[in-house]
Amino acid sequence: MTARLPQVFPHAGLPAHVTVYEVGARDGLQNEQATVPTEVKAEFIERLVDAGSTVIEATSFVHPKWVPQLADAEVLFKLLERRPGLRYPVLVPNLRGYDRALACGASEIAVFASATETFAQRNLNTTIDGALTDIEAVVTPALQAGLWARGYVSMCFGDPWEGPVDPGAVATVVERLLTAGCHEISLGDTIGTATPGHVRTLIDLLGTRGVDPARLAVHFHDTYGQALANILAALQVGITTVDASAGGLGGCPYAESATGNLATEDLVWMLDGLGIDTGIDLPALVETSRWMADHLGRPAPSRAVRALTKD
């Protein structure tokens, strides 16, 4: 049977190409209760590459005590096949993690900040300022070594403990990360409370402060079913990099109200329908997520995967 694909109806004012920053191998698998074997992770990444993914956050060099699911970071990273145009960023929590990543040959890193004090304390065990100071200590040598750096900002649109988050506070953290030398900043809707107007307001505010949308990415959780609407709003104001997780794996283990990440398949279905190029083969991606779901012993959360795999 011919694979079902969306009808294509392009709209003015949207980018011709969107970079899908795939986080399933790291952000997705770190939340699994059972540790996924290294060889399965490596094949998952290989299958994502074969489906057309070009930016895959492969793992995190965090201490195994905190994220035992990713204790095999060194072994996994050395298994990854290098191809022209492929990018494998890795998350580094501190200088020790950075040193481990550098020793493995990583050329791109990601660091983590928070827009709220409570989340910084609960997740990063420090203050907002303390986390930014730690990030500066990592990014400085990374830039000197010629690495590319991304900064994540959590709780950009709401916090389960503090409630509403001031866009101005988010902008201050973004500016500090850019000043530190981060090439790209991912705006995280950690508990999924953002709405399209909120998204546009934050991105517009950053624009008034001189932040080019080309330096920004968006990372939405689908807690309230708003992720795709929020992404469309972001695309309309110049965003061209979107985070997503194959099969909808993952979420935030430190925020109990957060549900899973936006599924890459759901995102690609929408972008394909808008005539926006991602380079990703949707049927191949669906098959990859089905394969991983079989290994995890449960159906993929992705709506598109479920719809496209019905008998």
Protein backbone atom coordinates (compact mmCIF):
# COMPACT_ATOMS: atom_id res chain seq x y z
CA MET A 1 0.00 0.00 0.00
CA THR A 2 1.29 3.47 -0.85
CA ALA A 3 2.38 5.41 2.23
CA ARG A 4 -0.04 8.16 3.18
CA LEU A 5 1.43 11.65 2.93
CA PRO A 6 -0.14 15.07 3.49
CA GLN A 7 -1.36 17.14 0.58
CA VAL A 8 0.92 20.11 0.02
CA PHE A 9 -0.39 23.66 0.30
CA PRO A 10 2.45 26.20 0.76
CA HIS A 11 1.75 29.49 2.51
CA ALA A 12 3.52 32.81 2.14
CA GLY A 13 5.68 34.11 4.93
CA LEU A 14 7.09 30.74 5.99
CA PRO A 15 10.67 29.49 5.56
CA ALA A 16 11.54 27.23 2.63
CA HIS A 17 13.61 24.95 4.88
CA VAL A 18 13.46 24.04 8.57
CA THR A 19 16.25 22.31 10.45
CA VAL A 20 14.84 19.60 12.70
CA TYR A 21 17.07 19.27 15.76
CA GLU A 22 16.43 15.66 16.78
CA VAL A 23 16.54 15.10 20.55
CA GLY A 24 15.07 11.62 20.85
CA ALA A 25 18.38 9.83 21.35
CA ARG A 26 19.28 12.01 24.33
CA ASP A 27 16.25 13.82 25.74
CA GLY A 28 14.00 10.90 24.87
CA LEU A 29 16.00 7.93 26.07
CA GLN A 30 17.27 9.60 29.25
CA ASN A 31 13.74 9.39 30.62
CA GLU A 32 13.36 5.64 30.15
CA GLN A 33 13.05 3.62 33.35
CA ALA A 34 15.06 0.76 31.88
CA THR A 35 18.46 1.39 30.35
CA VAL A 36 18.45 0.93 26.58
CA PRO A 37 21.43 -1.14 25.36
CA THR A 38 24.20 0.85 23.71
CA GLU A 39 23.94 -1.07 20.46
CA VAL A 40 20.21 -0.27 20.26
CA LYS A 41 20.92 3.43 20.79
CA ALA A 42 23.57 3.36 18.08
CA GLU A 43 21.21 1.66 15.64
CA PHE A 44 18.45 4.13 16.54
CA ILE A 45 20.73 7.01 15.59
CA GLU A 46 21.85 5.23 12.42
CA ARG A 47 18.22 4.70 11.42
CA LEU A 48 17.45 8.37 12.08
CA VAL A 49 20.34 9.32 9.82
CA ASP A 50 19.10 6.97 7.11
CA ALA A 51 15.67 8.64 7.39
CA GLY A 52 17.26 12.01 6.65
CA SER A 53 18.01 13.50 10.07
CA THR A 54 21.15 15.61 9.94
CA VAL A 55 21.26 17.07 13.47
CA ILE A 56 20.93 14.47 16.23
CA GLU A 57 21.72 15.24 19.85
CA ALA A 58 23.35 11.91 20.56
CA THR A 59 23.88 11.75 24.32
CA SER A 60 24.80 13.64 27.48
CA PHE A 61 28.10 13.59 29.32
CA VAL A 62 26.41 13.96 32.68
CA HIS A 63 27.58 11.96 35.71
CA PRO A 64 26.02 8.47 35.58
CA LYS A 65 24.76 8.98 39.14
CA TRP A 66 22.27 11.55 37.86
CA VAL A 67 21.32 10.00 34.51
CA PRO A 68 22.29 6.30 34.56
CA GLN A 69 20.48 5.77 31.25
CA LEU A 70 23.29 7.70 29.51
CA ALA A 71 26.23 6.23 31.40
CA ASP A 72 27.52 4.80 28.12
CA ALA A 73 28.12 8.21 26.52
CA GLU A 74 31.77 7.59 25.61
CA VAL A 75 31.12 4.14 24.18
CA LEU A 76 28.07 5.28 22.20
CA PHE A 77 29.67 8.39 20.77
CA LYS A 78 32.62 6.44 19.43
CA LEU A 79 30.25 4.05 17.64
CA LEU A 80 28.54 6.77 15.62
CA GLU A 81 29.26 6.79 11.92
CA ARG A 82 30.59 10.07 10.62
CA ARG A 83 29.19 11.29 7.31
CA PRO A 84 29.53 14.66 5.55
CA GLY A 85 26.87 17.09 6.76
CA LEU A 86 25.98 15.10 9.87
CA ARG A 87 25.99 16.80 13.26
CA TYR A 88 26.04 15.07 16.64
CA PRO A 89 25.76 17.67 19.42
CA VAL A 90 26.11 16.37 22.97
CA LEU A 91 24.84 17.85 26.23
CA VAL A 92 27.52 18.79 28.75
CA PRO A 93 26.49 19.83 32.30
CA ASN A 94 29.84 21.17 33.52
CA LEU A 95 33.57 21.32 32.82
CA ARG A 96 34.05 17.65 33.67
CA GLY A 97 31.37 16.71 31.15
CA TYR A 98 32.95 19.02 28.59
CA ASP A 99 36.35 17.38 29.07
CA ARG A 100 34.81 13.94 28.54
CA ALA A 101 33.02 15.10 25.39
CA LEU A 102 36.16 16.73 24.00
CA ALA A 103 38.18 13.56 24.64
CA CYS A 104 35.64 11.63 22.54
CA GLY A 105 35.99 14.01 19.63
CA ALA A 106 32.75 15.97 20.01
CA SER A 107 32.63 19.09 17.86
CA GLU A 108 29.30 20.46 19.11
CA ILE A 109 28.05 20.86 22.66
CA ALA A 110 24.87 22.00 24.37
CA VAL A 111 24.60 23.62 27.79
CA PHE A 112 21.61 24.10 30.06
CA ALA A 113 20.20 27.20 31.78
CA SER A 114 16.91 28.14 33.41
CA ALA A 115 14.68 31.19 33.18
CA THR A 116 13.43 30.67 36.76
CA GLU A 117 15.19 30.41 40.09
CA THR A 118 13.16 27.47 41.39
CA PHE A 119 13.89 25.27 38.40
CA ALA A 120 17.57 26.26 38.52
CA GLN A 121 17.70 25.14 42.13
CA ARG A 122 15.76 21.91 41.62
CA ASN A 123 17.34 20.85 38.33
CA LEU A 124 20.77 22.49 38.28
CA ASN A 125 21.35 22.78 42.04
CA THR A 126 22.29 26.43 41.71
CA THR A 127 20.86 29.87 40.94
CA ILE A 128 20.19 31.33 37.51
CA ASP A 129 23.36 33.39 37.80
CA GLY A 130 25.33 30.44 39.11
CA ALA A 131 24.25 28.30 36.17
CA LEU A 132 25.19 31.04 33.70
CA THR A 133 28.59 31.43 35.34
CA ASP A 134 29.15 27.68 35.05
CA ILE A 135 28.09 27.82 31.40
CA GLU A 136 30.56 30.59 30.68
CA ALA A 137 33.31 28.42 32.18
CA VAL A 138 32.40 25.66 29.68
CA VAL A 139 31.68 27.72 26.57
CA THR A 140 34.87 29.78 26.75
CA PRO A 141 37.28 26.83 26.32
CA ALA A 142 34.86 25.19 23.87
CA LEU A 143 35.00 28.21 21.57
CA GLN A 144 38.77 28.36 21.92
CA ALA A 145 38.87 24.72 20.80
CA GLY A 146 36.70 25.53 17.78
CA LEU A 147 33.51 23.84 18.99
CA TRP A 148 29.94 24.94 18.23
CA ALA A 149 27.78 25.66 21.29
CA ARG A 150 24.03 25.68 21.88
CA GLY A 151 22.32 27.03 24.98
CA TYR A 152 19.05 25.61 26.27
CA VAL A 153 16.77 27.82 28.35
CA SER A 154 14.15 25.92 30.34
CA MET A 155 10.85 27.30 31.67
CA CYS A 156 10.60 30.08 29.08
CA PHE A 157 6.80 30.06 29.06
CA GLY A 158 5.77 28.91 32.51
CA ASP A 159 7.06 27.21 35.65
CA PRO A 160 5.16 24.62 37.75
CA TRP A 161 6.36 26.21 40.99
CA GLU A 162 6.56 29.91 40.13
CA GLY A 163 3.71 30.13 37.62
CA PRO A 164 3.89 32.73 34.81
CA VAL A 165 7.37 33.67 33.59
CA ASP A 166 8.19 37.24 32.56
CA PRO A 167 9.41 37.33 28.92
CA GLY A 168 11.88 39.98 29.99
CA ALA A 169 13.50 37.54 32.42
CA VAL A 170 13.81 34.99 29.63
CA ALA A 171 15.37 37.61 27.34
CA THR A 172 17.98 38.45 29.98
CA VAL A 173 19.09 34.80 30.16
CA VAL A 174 19.15 34.52 26.36
CA GLU A 175 21.30 37.64 26.08
CA ARG A 176 23.74 36.32 28.67
CA LEU A 177 24.09 33.02 26.79
CA LEU A 178 24.72 34.84 23.52
CA THR A 179 27.28 37.06 25.21
CA ALA A 180 28.96 33.93 26.56
CA GLY A 181 29.39 32.81 22.96
CA CYS A 182 26.57 30.35 22.33
CA HIS A 183 25.83 30.14 18.62
CA GLU A 184 22.20 29.09 19.07
CA ILE A 185 19.62 29.33 21.87
CA SER A 186 16.77 26.87 22.24
CA LEU A 187 13.69 28.36 23.95
CA GLY A 188 12.11 25.61 26.04
CA ASP A 189 8.42 25.29 26.87
CA THR A 190 9.25 22.77 29.56
CA ILE A 191 5.73 22.22 30.88
CA GLY A 192 3.90 22.90 27.63
CA THR A 193 1.90 25.94 28.71
CA ALA A 194 2.83 28.25 25.82
CA THR A 195 0.27 29.51 23.31
CA PRO A 196 0.98 31.09 19.90
CA GLY A 197 0.56 34.67 21.06
CA HIS A 198 2.94 34.07 23.94
CA VAL A 199 5.50 32.57 21.56
CA ARG A 200 5.35 35.52 19.18
CA THR A 201 5.54 38.00 22.06
CA LEU A 202 8.76 36.45 23.37
CA ILE A 203 10.42 36.21 19.97
CA ASP A 204 9.35 39.76 19.09
CA LEU A 205 10.77 41.00 22.41
CA LEU A 206 14.07 39.28 21.70
CA GLY A 207 14.06 40.96 18.30
CA THR A 208 13.76 44.38 19.91
CA ARG A 209 16.87 43.50 21.91
CA GLY A 210 18.81 42.68 18.77
CA VAL A 211 18.48 38.88 18.84
CA ASP A 212 18.24 37.54 15.30
CA PRO A 213 15.64 34.73 14.97
CA ALA A 214 18.34 32.83 13.05
CA ARG A 215 20.09 32.41 16.42
CA LEU A 216 17.02 30.87 18.03
CA ALA A 217 15.38 27.44 18.11
CA VAL A 218 12.16 26.35 19.80
CA HIS A 219 11.54 23.30 21.97
CA PHE A 220 7.89 22.65 22.79
CA HIS A 221 6.21 20.02 24.92
CA ASP A 222 2.69 19.05 23.94
CA THR A 223 1.09 18.99 27.40
CA TYR A 224 -1.91 21.05 26.31
CA GLY A 225 -1.84 20.12 22.62
CA GLN A 226 -0.32 23.45 21.61
CA ALA A 227 3.09 22.42 20.27
CA LEU A 228 2.36 22.49 16.53
CA ALA A 229 0.37 25.72 16.79
CA ASN A 230 3.27 27.26 18.68
CA ILE A 231 5.75 26.11 16.06
CA LEU A 232 3.70 27.62 13.26
CA ALA A 233 3.65 30.91 15.17
CA ALA A 234 7.43 30.71 15.57
CA LEU A 235 7.96 30.00 11.88
CA GLN A 236 5.90 33.06 11.00
CA VAL A 237 8.36 35.29 12.87
CA GLY A 238 11.55 33.84 11.44
CA ILE A 239 12.43 30.72 13.42
CA THR A 240 13.95 27.99 11.23
CA THR A 241 15.23 25.45 13.79
CA VAL A 242 12.81 23.27 15.71
CA ASP A 243 13.55 20.62 18.34
CA ALA A 244 11.60 17.37 18.21
CA SER A 245 11.86 13.78 19.40
CA ALA A 246 11.36 10.74 17.19
CA GLY A 247 8.22 8.93 18.22
CA GLY A 248 7.48 11.56 20.87
CA LEU A 249 9.93 10.05 23.34
CA GLY A 250 10.87 11.90 26.48
CA GLY A 251 9.86 14.93 28.46
CA CYS A 252 11.33 16.54 31.53
CA PRO A 253 12.07 14.30 34.54
CA TYR A 254 12.37 17.34 36.82
CA ALA A 255 8.97 18.85 36.03
CA GLU A 256 6.16 16.49 36.95
CA SER A 257 3.51 18.34 34.93
CA ALA A 258 5.46 18.01 31.68
CA THR A 259 4.39 15.40 29.16
CA GLY A 260 6.45 14.20 26.25
CA ASN A 261 8.35 16.10 23.66
CA LEU A 262 6.74 16.98 20.37
CA ALA A 263 7.04 13.97 18.06
CA THR A 264 9.27 14.51 15.06
CA GLU A 265 6.76 12.69 12.84
CA ASP A 266 3.94 15.04 13.86
CA LEU A 267 6.19 18.01 13.07
CA VAL A 268 7.32 16.64 9.71
CA TRP A 269 3.72 15.86 8.69
CA MET A 270 2.81 19.52 9.25
CA LEU A 271 5.94 20.88 7.55
CA ASP A 272 5.54 18.55 4.57
CA GLY A 273 1.96 19.75 4.19
CA LEU A 274 3.18 23.34 4.13
CA GLY A 275 5.76 22.52 1.46
CA ILE A 276 8.64 23.22 3.87
CA ASP A 277 11.72 21.11 3.25
CA THR A 278 13.30 19.19 6.14
CA GLY A 279 15.22 16.53 4.25
CA ILE A 280 13.45 13.88 6.33
CA ASP A 281 11.67 10.91 4.75
CA LEU A 282 8.47 10.60 6.79
CA PRO A 283 7.72 6.90 6.11
CA ALA A 284 11.32 5.97 6.99
CA LEU A 285 11.14 8.03 10.18
CA VAL A 286 7.85 6.39 11.15
CA GLU A 287 9.40 2.96 10.67
CA THR A 288 12.35 4.00 12.83
CA SER A 289 10.07 5.08 15.66
CA ARG A 290 8.05 1.86 15.35
CA TRP A 291 11.30 -0.08 15.62
CA MET A 292 12.33 1.80 18.76
CA ALA A 293 8.85 1.43 20.27
CA ASP A 294 9.16 -2.33 19.83
CA HIS A 295 12.43 -2.26 21.76
CA LEU A 296 10.82 -0.20 24.52
CA GLY A 297 7.81 -2.49 24.66
CA ARG A 298 5.10 0.09 24.13
CA PRO A 299 3.49 2.10 21.29
CA ALA A 300 5.09 5.35 20.20
CA PRO A 301 3.26 8.39 21.63
CA SER A 302 3.37 10.12 18.24
CA ARG A 303 -0.04 10.66 16.69
CA ALA A 304 1.41 10.48 13.19
CA VAL A 305 3.16 7.19 13.92
CA ARG A 306 -0.07 5.70 15.22
CA ALA A 307 -2.11 6.97 12.27
CA LEU A 308 0.40 5.80 9.69
CA THR A 309 0.80 2.33 11.16
CA LYS A 310 -2.86 1.36 11.49
CA ASP A 311 -3.72 -1.92 9.85
